[in-house]
Protein backbone atom coordinates (compact mmCIF):
# COMPACT_ATOMS: atom_id res chain seq x y z
CA UNK A 1 -49.92 -11.46 33.78
CA UNK A 2 -48.59 -15.11 34.56
CA UNK A 3 -46.61 -16.97 31.62
CA UNK A 4 -46.37 -20.88 31.52
CA UNK A 5 -42.94 -21.34 30.15
CA UNK A 6 -42.88 -25.05 30.84
CA UNK A 7 -41.79 -27.18 27.84
CA UNK A 8 -42.24 -24.57 25.71
CA UNK A 9 -43.14 -25.97 22.02
CA UNK A 10 -40.45 -23.27 20.20
CA UNK A 11 -36.78 -22.46 20.87
CA UNK A 12 -36.90 -20.01 23.58
CA UNK A 13 -33.33 -18.70 22.43
CA UNK A 14 -34.57 -17.32 19.33
CA UNK A 15 -36.92 -14.84 21.10
CA UNK A 16 -36.45 -14.75 25.00
CA UNK A 17 -39.41 -14.95 27.30
CA UNK A 18 -38.49 -11.47 28.83
CA UNK A 19 -39.00 -10.02 25.17
CA UNK A 20 -42.18 -11.83 24.36
CA UNK A 21 -43.63 -10.55 27.83
CA UNK A 22 -42.35 -7.36 27.44
CA UNK A 23 -44.41 -7.15 23.83
CA UNK A 24 -47.62 -8.31 25.73
CA UNK A 25 -46.92 -5.25 28.07
CA UNK A 26 -46.58 -2.89 25.39
CA UNK A 27 -49.24 -0.63 25.66
CA UNK A 28 -49.74 -0.37 21.95
CA UNK A 29 -49.98 -4.08 21.37
CA UNK A 30 -52.77 -5.68 19.07
CA UNK A 31 -54.54 -8.93 20.26
CA UNK A 32 -56.68 -10.72 17.79
CA UNK A 33 -58.65 -13.69 17.65
CA UNK A 34 -58.47 -15.49 14.67
CA UNK A 35 -61.42 -17.41 13.17
CA UNK A 36 -61.53 -20.54 14.60
CA UNK A 37 -62.56 -23.76 13.43
CA UNK A 38 -64.89 -24.74 16.47
CA UNK A 39 -62.35 -27.26 17.44
CA UNK A 40 -60.50 -26.99 21.01
CA UNK A 41 -60.05 -23.54 22.77
CA UNK A 42 -59.54 -20.09 21.39
CA UNK A 43 -55.93 -19.30 20.14
CA UNK A 44 -55.15 -15.24 19.97
CA UNK A 45 -52.40 -13.47 18.16
CA UNK A 46 -50.34 -10.81 19.91
CA UNK A 47 -48.28 -8.21 18.13
CA UNK A 48 -46.20 -6.06 20.29
CA UNK A 49 -42.53 -4.66 20.92
CA UNK A 50 -40.41 -5.39 23.44
CA UNK A 51 -38.38 -2.63 25.41
CA UNK A 52 -35.73 -2.82 22.95
CA UNK A 53 -38.00 -1.97 20.24
CA UNK A 54 -38.00 -5.51 18.80
CA UNK A 55 -41.51 -6.14 17.09
CA UNK A 56 -42.68 -9.78 18.51
CA UNK A 57 -45.45 -12.07 17.09
CA UNK A 58 -47.02 -14.42 19.22
CA UNK A 59 -49.65 -16.96 19.14
CA UNK A 60 -51.17 -17.65 22.33
CA UNK A 61 -53.76 -19.53 24.49
CA UNK A 62 -55.04 -18.14 28.01
CA UNK A 63 -57.44 -19.19 30.49
CA UNK A 64 -58.00 -15.74 31.84
CA UNK A 65 -55.29 -16.07 34.49
CA UNK A 66 -52.14 -18.06 32.47
CA UNK A 67 -50.89 -17.50 29.22
CA UNK A 68 -49.28 -19.93 27.47
CA UNK A 69 -47.22 -19.02 24.19
CA UNK A 70 -47.37 -21.60 21.66
CA UNK A 71 -45.15 -19.73 19.01
CA UNK A 72 -43.45 -16.42 18.98
CA UNK A 73 -41.02 -14.85 16.55
CA UNK A 74 -40.09 -11.52 15.12
CA UNK A 75 -42.60 -9.79 12.99
CA UNK A 76 -42.74 -9.45 9.21
CA UNK A 77 -42.37 -6.57 7.61
CA UNK A 78 -46.02 -6.68 6.63
CA UNK A 79 -46.90 -7.03 10.45
CA UNK A 80 -44.71 -4.33 11.36
CA UNK A 81 -46.73 -2.24 8.81
CA UNK A 82 -50.24 -3.34 10.49
CA UNK A 83 -48.96 -2.70 13.98
CA UNK A 84 -48.17 0.74 12.70
CA UNK A 85 -51.09 1.22 10.86
CA UNK A 86 -53.51 0.15 13.57
CA UNK A 87 -51.63 2.37 16.33
CA UNK A 88 -51.75 5.27 14.26
CA UNK A 89 -55.81 5.08 13.60
CA UNK A 90 -56.23 5.18 17.45
CA UNK A 91 -53.97 8.08 17.90
């Protein structure tokens, strides 16, 4: 995966780019396409964990080659529960 970190629209000190990339590489990560309004390109959600077990929520756009993260933060307790429940269903 190739990420575009140039002029990121959020503070990269709160969630490090390395942690975000690790959350995308999480074999149990969950990617969702939210309902769109039909305007512009599709934006996706990613719920995944870093190597340090930090739950990361990301909103991103991709053209199939490059990934552009528009927002990233720690998962909320509800998102962690959703992540764990969805992964339990797969096992």
